[in-house]
Amino acid sequence: RRSGAPSVRCDSFETCGHRVAGRRTRRAAAGQLCSRPTLKGRPIRFFLRGSPAQDRRDQPARMALLATSSASAQQNLVVFTCTFYATTNDVRFKCCVEFLQRAKASGARVVVVDASPSDNIREWLRSAGAHRVVKQTASGKKGAALREALGHAVDVARDDACWLCWQEAEKFDMARLWKDVAAASNGLDVVVPAREPKLFAATYPEEQVHSESFANAYVSLAAKAAGFSDASSKLDWHFGPFALRAKHAPLWLSHRGELWDAQVVPIVSAMRAGLAVGGVEVPFVAPLSMKAEEEDNLVFVQKRLDQINFLDPKVISALKGEGA
């Protein structure tokens, strides 16, 4: 594992694959319970019906089935993002390169709309593994870039059922999690990943943990007051990543949000339209380099406060049916 990464042990028949130390368990005897980790880190229990010898013979088939399911989920998704970097020395640029490398290694297709002034940046992104990199042509801020990237993702997907997954490029750990999010989202039209609380507290700047925990509670209470169910109201509204089936892209493409509202307000539109919207908890590990840069930093604390004051009134207005 990398220096500084949390050491976590998971009890499973195969080592875990998310930059943590994994180990194999002893094989359970016939008739005993064995465990595998879920997305929430809690075990799913299943019963071993055969003898230990039969279990050994059956295990390759079980592993192949799991691998096939994971590969199918990975192939049926496209990740899209937008970027801007003034220099390759930017911490976020380095995180983006790692994200693209990890995504390529996992087989994910990534679409990037980039507004950086230098073509050299875009060449770096292509060489790092992006499926498609284009210079931003849409006029506007983050919202315009998001919609342009989504349009390209729809073109790459060519399948209404494909998951189109948005994330900020610096959240490179999401590269390993999208296939699990897709696999756990049966029956949903829109899914909002939620940060596992302990990892959220351990890997984010302390001020951001406090501000976004409060803001999430505030918006969730507003959603409940507006009549939405717990499943759709208790979302990680301020995490950022979300995924939608390609057929629902018009909800985002038609919204005119400038910044973070372009991500979140269409989620409320989906809820009001009766689509199945829910959350999936993920063991996301934020970049420790970003925590080091942002913690105890007044500039970033002010940025988080400005973001909440900009976004939350728009989301609550949409929940009331005034702005969706």
Protein backbone atom coordinates (compact mmCIF):
# COMPACT_ATOMS: atom_id res chain seq x y z
CA ARG A 1 0.00 0.00 0.00
CA ARG A 2 1.03 3.58 -0.46
CA SER A 3 2.54 5.53 2.38
CA GLY A 4 -0.20 7.44 4.17
CA ALA A 5 -3.04 5.25 2.89
CA PRO A 6 -5.23 3.74 5.61
CA SER A 7 -4.61 0.10 6.46
CA VAL A 8 -7.86 -1.84 6.35
CA ARG A 9 -8.30 -5.59 6.48
CA CYS A 10 -11.19 -7.26 4.71
CA ASP A 11 -12.25 -10.86 5.26
CA SER A 12 -12.82 -12.38 1.86
CA PHE A 13 -11.72 -15.32 -0.26
CA GLU A 14 -9.77 -12.96 -2.51
CA THR A 15 -7.65 -9.99 -1.55
CA CYS A 16 -9.33 -6.65 -1.74
CA GLY A 17 -8.38 -4.31 -4.57
CA HIS A 18 -8.63 -0.81 -3.21
CA ARG A 19 -5.15 0.23 -2.05
CA VAL A 20 -5.54 -1.44 1.31
CA ALA A 21 -3.94 -4.48 2.87
CA GLY A 22 -6.07 -7.56 2.24
CA ARG A 23 -5.77 -11.15 3.36
CA ARG A 24 -7.42 -14.48 2.70
CA THR A 25 -9.57 -16.17 5.32
CA ARG A 26 -9.36 -19.79 6.29
CA ARG A 27 -11.74 -21.86 4.24
CA ALA A 28 -14.98 -22.48 6.07
CA ALA A 29 -15.90 -26.06 6.77
CA ALA A 30 -19.08 -27.50 5.26
CA GLY A 31 -22.18 -26.11 6.92
CA GLN A 32 -20.44 -23.01 8.30
CA LEU A 33 -20.96 -19.40 7.38
CA CYS A 34 -18.33 -17.42 5.52
CA SER A 35 -18.25 -13.74 4.67
CA ARG A 36 -17.38 -11.35 1.88
CA PRO A 37 -17.29 -7.54 2.25
CA THR A 38 -20.08 -5.39 0.88
CA LEU A 39 -19.75 -1.81 -0.33
CA LYS A 40 -20.46 -0.75 3.25
CA GLY A 41 -17.71 -2.92 4.63
CA ARG A 42 -20.21 -5.25 6.29
CA PRO A 43 -20.25 -8.93 5.39
CA ILE A 44 -22.86 -10.63 3.26
CA ARG A 45 -23.32 -14.13 4.65
CA PHE A 46 -23.98 -17.17 2.53
CA PHE A 47 -24.22 -20.89 3.33
CA LEU A 48 -21.72 -23.40 2.02
CA ARG A 49 -23.84 -26.42 1.24
CA GLY A 50 -21.25 -28.91 -0.02
CA SER A 51 -18.24 -30.63 1.43
CA PRO A 52 -14.92 -28.78 1.64
CA ALA A 53 -13.75 -30.72 -1.42
CA GLN A 54 -16.88 -29.77 -3.35
CA ASP A 55 -16.46 -26.17 -2.22
CA ARG A 56 -12.92 -26.15 -3.63
CA ARG A 57 -14.22 -27.47 -6.95
CA ASP A 58 -17.04 -24.90 -7.07
CA GLN A 59 -14.97 -21.88 -6.05
CA PRO A 60 -13.47 -21.17 -9.52
CA ALA A 61 -16.98 -21.09 -11.00
CA ARG A 62 -18.13 -18.67 -8.29
CA MET A 63 -15.10 -16.43 -8.86
CA ALA A 64 -15.66 -16.52 -12.63
CA LEU A 65 -19.30 -15.53 -12.13
CA LEU A 66 -18.28 -12.62 -9.93
CA ALA A 67 -15.64 -11.52 -12.44
CA THR A 68 -18.12 -11.74 -15.33
CA SER A 69 -20.70 -9.67 -13.42
CA SER A 70 -18.08 -7.04 -12.55
CA ALA A 71 -16.77 -6.87 -16.12
CA SER A 72 -20.30 -6.53 -17.50
CA ALA A 73 -21.03 -3.63 -15.13
CA GLN A 74 -17.74 -1.95 -16.08
CA GLN A 75 -18.38 -2.26 -19.83
CA ASN A 76 -21.85 -0.75 -19.49
CA LEU A 77 -20.70 2.58 -18.07
CA VAL A 78 -18.99 5.72 -19.29
CA VAL A 79 -17.36 8.21 -16.90
CA PHE A 80 -17.46 11.88 -17.86
CA THR A 81 -15.74 14.90 -16.34
CA CYS A 82 -14.49 18.40 -17.09
CA THR A 83 -11.12 19.90 -16.25
CA PHE A 84 -9.05 23.07 -16.25
CA TYR A 85 -5.36 23.24 -15.32
CA ALA A 86 -3.02 26.21 -15.70
CA THR A 87 0.02 24.01 -15.13
CA THR A 88 1.02 20.39 -14.79
CA ASN A 89 2.31 21.22 -11.29
CA ASP A 90 -1.27 21.59 -10.04
CA VAL A 91 -2.07 18.99 -7.35
CA ARG A 92 -5.42 18.40 -9.06
CA PHE A 93 -3.77 17.75 -12.41
CA LYS A 94 -1.65 15.02 -10.84
CA CYS A 95 -4.79 13.52 -9.26
CA CYS A 96 -6.51 13.62 -12.66
CA VAL A 97 -3.67 11.73 -14.33
CA GLU A 98 -3.85 9.06 -11.64
CA PHE A 99 -7.62 8.83 -12.09
CA LEU A 100 -7.28 8.30 -15.85
CA GLN A 101 -4.57 5.69 -15.39
CA ARG A 102 -6.68 3.78 -12.88
CA ALA A 103 -9.79 4.03 -15.03
CA LYS A 104 -7.95 2.70 -18.07
CA ALA A 105 -6.52 -0.19 -16.03
CA SER A 106 -10.03 -1.10 -14.90
CA GLY A 107 -11.44 -0.95 -18.44
CA ALA A 108 -13.60 2.14 -17.92
CA ARG A 109 -14.13 4.62 -20.76
CA VAL A 110 -13.58 8.23 -19.67
CA VAL A 111 -14.68 11.34 -21.56
CA VAL A 112 -12.93 14.61 -20.66
CA VAL A 113 -13.92 18.14 -21.71
CA ASP A 114 -10.92 20.32 -20.91
CA ALA A 115 -10.65 24.13 -20.85
CA SER A 116 -6.93 24.35 -20.09
CA PRO A 117 -5.10 27.00 -22.14
CA SER A 118 -2.39 24.58 -23.29
CA ASP A 119 -2.89 21.74 -25.77
CA ASN A 120 -0.08 20.00 -23.91
CA ILE A 121 -2.45 19.40 -21.00
CA ARG A 122 -4.90 17.61 -23.27
CA GLU A 123 -2.10 15.46 -24.71
CA TRP A 124 -1.18 14.46 -21.17
CA LEU A 125 -4.78 13.46 -20.49
CA ARG A 126 -4.94 11.39 -23.67
CA SER A 127 -1.70 9.62 -22.90
CA ALA A 128 -2.89 8.92 -19.34
CA GLY A 129 -5.74 6.82 -20.71
CA ALA A 130 -8.81 8.95 -21.44
CA HIS A 131 -11.12 7.44 -24.06
CA ARG A 132 -11.96 10.87 -25.48
CA VAL A 133 -10.48 14.31 -24.71
CA VAL A 134 -11.89 17.44 -26.34
CA LYS A 135 -11.24 21.12 -25.83
CA GLN A 136 -14.24 22.86 -24.31
CA THR A 137 -16.27 24.71 -26.91
CA ALA A 138 -19.37 25.49 -24.85
CA SER A 139 -19.44 29.02 -23.48
CA GLY A 140 -19.75 29.21 -19.73
CA LYS A 141 -18.45 27.79 -16.47
CA LYS A 142 -18.49 24.30 -14.94
CA GLY A 143 -22.15 23.71 -15.79
CA ALA A 144 -21.60 24.31 -19.50
CA ALA A 145 -18.56 22.01 -19.50
CA LEU A 146 -20.49 19.30 -17.66
CA ARG A 147 -23.29 19.37 -20.25
CA GLU A 148 -20.77 19.24 -23.10
CA ALA A 149 -19.03 16.26 -21.48
CA LEU A 150 -22.38 14.54 -20.95
CA GLY A 151 -23.21 14.97 -24.62
CA HIS A 152 -19.97 13.22 -25.54
CA ALA A 153 -20.67 10.47 -22.99
CA VAL A 154 -24.06 9.82 -24.59
CA ASP A 155 -22.34 9.52 -27.96
CA VAL A 156 -19.76 7.07 -26.60
CA ALA A 157 -22.38 4.98 -24.77
CA ARG A 158 -24.85 4.48 -27.65
CA ASP A 159 -27.08 2.56 -25.25
CA ASP A 160 -30.01 3.99 -23.27
CA ALA A 161 -29.35 1.62 -20.37
CA CYS A 162 -25.66 2.55 -20.05
CA TRP A 163 -24.63 4.23 -16.82
CA LEU A 164 -23.15 7.69 -17.39
CA CYS A 165 -21.05 8.51 -14.34
CA TRP A 166 -20.05 12.04 -13.43
CA GLN A 167 -17.16 12.83 -11.12
CA GLU A 168 -14.59 15.52 -10.51
CA ALA A 169 -11.32 14.26 -11.96
CA GLU A 170 -9.35 14.78 -8.75
CA LYS A 171 -11.50 12.16 -6.96
CA PHE A 172 -9.31 9.44 -8.49
CA ASP A 173 -10.37 6.73 -6.04
CA MET A 174 -13.82 6.66 -7.67
CA ALA A 175 -12.23 4.91 -10.67
CA ARG A 176 -12.31 1.60 -8.80
CA LEU A 177 -15.80 2.11 -7.37
CA TRP A 178 -18.03 2.84 -10.39
CA LYS A 179 -18.38 -0.80 -11.41
CA ASP A 180 -19.55 -1.63 -7.86
CA VAL A 181 -21.96 1.31 -7.86
CA ALA A 182 -23.43 0.13 -11.17
CA ALA A 183 -23.70 -3.47 -9.94
CA ALA A 184 -25.52 -2.34 -6.77
CA SER A 185 -27.95 -0.02 -8.56
CA ASN A 186 -30.45 -2.47 -10.03
CA GLY A 187 -33.85 -0.81 -10.33
CA LEU A 188 -32.48 2.72 -10.06
CA ASP A 189 -32.53 5.41 -12.73
CA VAL A 190 -30.18 7.78 -10.91
CA VAL A 191 -27.68 6.85 -8.20
CA VAL A 192 -25.73 9.15 -5.88
CA PRO A 193 -22.70 7.52 -4.23
CA ALA A 194 -22.35 8.28 -0.53
CA ARG A 195 -19.08 8.51 1.35
CA GLU A 196 -18.52 5.89 4.06
CA PRO A 197 -18.53 8.03 7.25
CA LYS A 198 -15.28 6.84 8.81
CA LEU A 199 -13.28 7.28 5.60
CA PHE A 200 -14.96 10.63 5.01
CA ALA A 201 -13.81 11.82 8.44
CA ALA A 202 -10.32 10.35 8.05
CA THR A 203 -9.41 11.55 4.55
CA TYR A 204 -11.15 14.94 4.12
CA PRO A 205 -10.16 18.30 5.62
CA GLU A 206 -11.73 18.63 9.05
CA GLU A 207 -13.59 21.82 8.14
CA GLN A 208 -15.10 20.19 5.03
CA VAL A 209 -16.29 17.20 7.05
CA HIS A 210 -18.16 19.52 9.41
CA SER A 211 -19.59 21.85 6.76
CA GLU A 212 -20.76 19.16 4.35
CA SER A 213 -22.19 16.95 7.10
CA PHE A 214 -24.29 19.89 8.27
CA ALA A 215 -25.28 20.85 4.72
CA ASN A 216 -26.26 17.26 3.86
CA ALA A 217 -28.48 17.09 6.94
CA TYR A 218 -30.03 20.45 6.06
CA VAL A 219 -30.93 19.48 2.49
CA SER A 220 -32.13 16.01 3.52
CA LEU A 221 -34.52 17.56 6.07
CA ALA A 222 -35.77 19.92 3.39
CA ALA A 223 -36.35 16.96 1.04
CA LYS A 224 -38.27 15.11 3.73
CA ALA A 225 -40.36 18.22 4.44
CA ALA A 226 -41.13 18.40 0.71
CA GLY A 227 -42.58 14.89 0.86
CA PHE A 228 -39.77 12.77 -0.58
CA SER A 229 -39.01 9.33 0.81
CA ASP A 230 -36.02 8.56 2.99
CA ALA A 231 -34.45 6.56 0.15
CA SER A 232 -34.34 9.57 -2.14
CA SER A 233 -33.95 12.35 0.42
CA LYS A 234 -31.04 11.03 2.49
CA LEU A 235 -28.39 11.46 -0.16
CA ASP A 236 -24.79 12.63 0.04
CA TRP A 237 -25.79 15.88 -1.67
CA HIS A 238 -22.34 17.47 -1.42
CA PHE A 239 -20.08 14.58 -2.46
CA GLY A 240 -20.27 15.35 -6.18
CA PRO A 241 -20.32 12.04 -8.11
CA PHE A 242 -23.60 10.78 -9.54
CA ALA A 243 -24.68 8.36 -12.24
CA LEU A 244 -27.69 8.29 -14.55
CA ARG A 245 -29.00 5.96 -17.18
CA ALA A 246 -28.20 7.42 -20.60
CA LYS A 247 -31.88 7.74 -21.49
CA HIS A 248 -32.31 10.34 -18.73
CA ALA A 249 -29.50 12.61 -19.99
CA PRO A 250 -31.98 15.28 -21.23
CA LEU A 251 -32.74 16.19 -17.58
CA TRP A 252 -29.14 17.41 -17.24
CA LEU A 253 -28.66 18.64 -20.79
CA SER A 254 -31.70 20.92 -20.53
CA HIS A 255 -30.73 22.44 -17.18
CA ARG A 256 -28.93 25.79 -17.35
CA GLY A 257 -27.01 25.64 -14.07
CA GLU A 258 -23.70 27.49 -13.99
CA LEU A 259 -21.72 25.57 -11.39
CA TRP A 260 -22.51 22.78 -8.89
CA ASP A 261 -26.23 23.31 -9.44
CA ALA A 262 -25.75 21.72 -12.89
CA GLN A 263 -24.89 18.49 -11.07
CA VAL A 264 -27.40 18.46 -8.23
CA VAL A 265 -30.58 20.27 -9.27
CA PRO A 266 -31.33 17.79 -12.10
CA ILE A 267 -31.21 15.02 -9.48
CA VAL A 268 -34.16 16.76 -7.84
CA SER A 269 -35.83 17.04 -11.26
CA ALA A 270 -35.46 13.27 -11.60
CA MET A 271 -37.05 12.78 -8.17
CA ARG A 272 -39.98 15.04 -9.05
CA ALA A 273 -40.41 13.19 -12.36
CA GLY A 274 -40.92 9.95 -10.45
CA LEU A 275 -37.62 8.32 -11.42
CA ALA A 276 -36.02 5.88 -8.98
CA VAL A 277 -33.27 7.86 -7.24
CA GLY A 278 -31.16 6.37 -4.47
CA GLY A 279 -27.76 6.25 -2.84
CA VAL A 280 -25.03 3.61 -2.63
CA GLU A 281 -22.42 3.90 0.11
CA VAL A 282 -18.84 3.55 -1.14
CA PRO A 283 -15.47 3.24 0.66
CA PHE A 284 -14.10 6.34 -1.04
CA VAL A 285 -10.64 7.51 0.03
CA ALA A 286 -9.96 11.17 -0.75
CA PRO A 287 -6.48 12.23 -1.93
CA LEU A 288 -4.33 12.91 1.11
CA SER A 289 -2.39 15.51 -0.89
CA MET A 290 -5.56 17.57 -1.17
CA LYS A 291 -6.30 17.24 2.53
CA ALA A 292 -2.78 18.48 3.28
CA GLU A 293 -3.27 21.48 1.01
CA GLU A 294 -6.78 22.43 2.14
CA GLU A 295 -6.98 21.74 5.88
CA ASP A 296 -6.49 24.79 8.15
CA ASN A 297 -6.58 26.95 5.03
CA LEU A 298 -8.92 29.95 5.19
CA VAL A 299 -9.14 30.21 1.38
CA PHE A 300 -10.55 26.69 1.07
CA VAL A 301 -12.82 27.05 4.11
CA GLN A 302 -14.32 30.17 2.52
CA LYS A 303 -14.69 28.30 -0.78
CA ARG A 304 -16.69 25.52 0.93
CA LEU A 305 -18.91 28.07 2.65
CA ASP A 306 -19.51 29.94 -0.63
CA GLN A 307 -20.35 26.66 -2.36
CA ILE A 308 -22.98 25.74 0.23
CA ASN A 309 -24.49 29.23 0.19
CA PHE A 310 -24.65 29.12 -3.62
CA LEU A 311 -25.93 25.56 -4.04
CA ASP A 312 -28.26 24.74 -1.19
CA PRO A 313 -30.88 27.48 -1.76
CA LYS A 314 -31.17 26.34 -5.41
CA VAL A 315 -31.58 22.69 -4.39
CA ILE A 316 -34.17 23.51 -1.74
CA SER A 317 -36.07 25.71 -4.19
CA ALA A 318 -36.12 22.79 -6.63
CA LEU A 319 -37.32 20.41 -3.88
CA LYS A 320 -40.26 22.77 -3.33
CA GLY A 321 -41.01 22.72 -7.05
CA GLU A 322 -39.86 26.26 -7.61
CA GLY A 323 -36.70 25.71 -9.61
CA ALA A 324 -36.43 22.14 -10.92
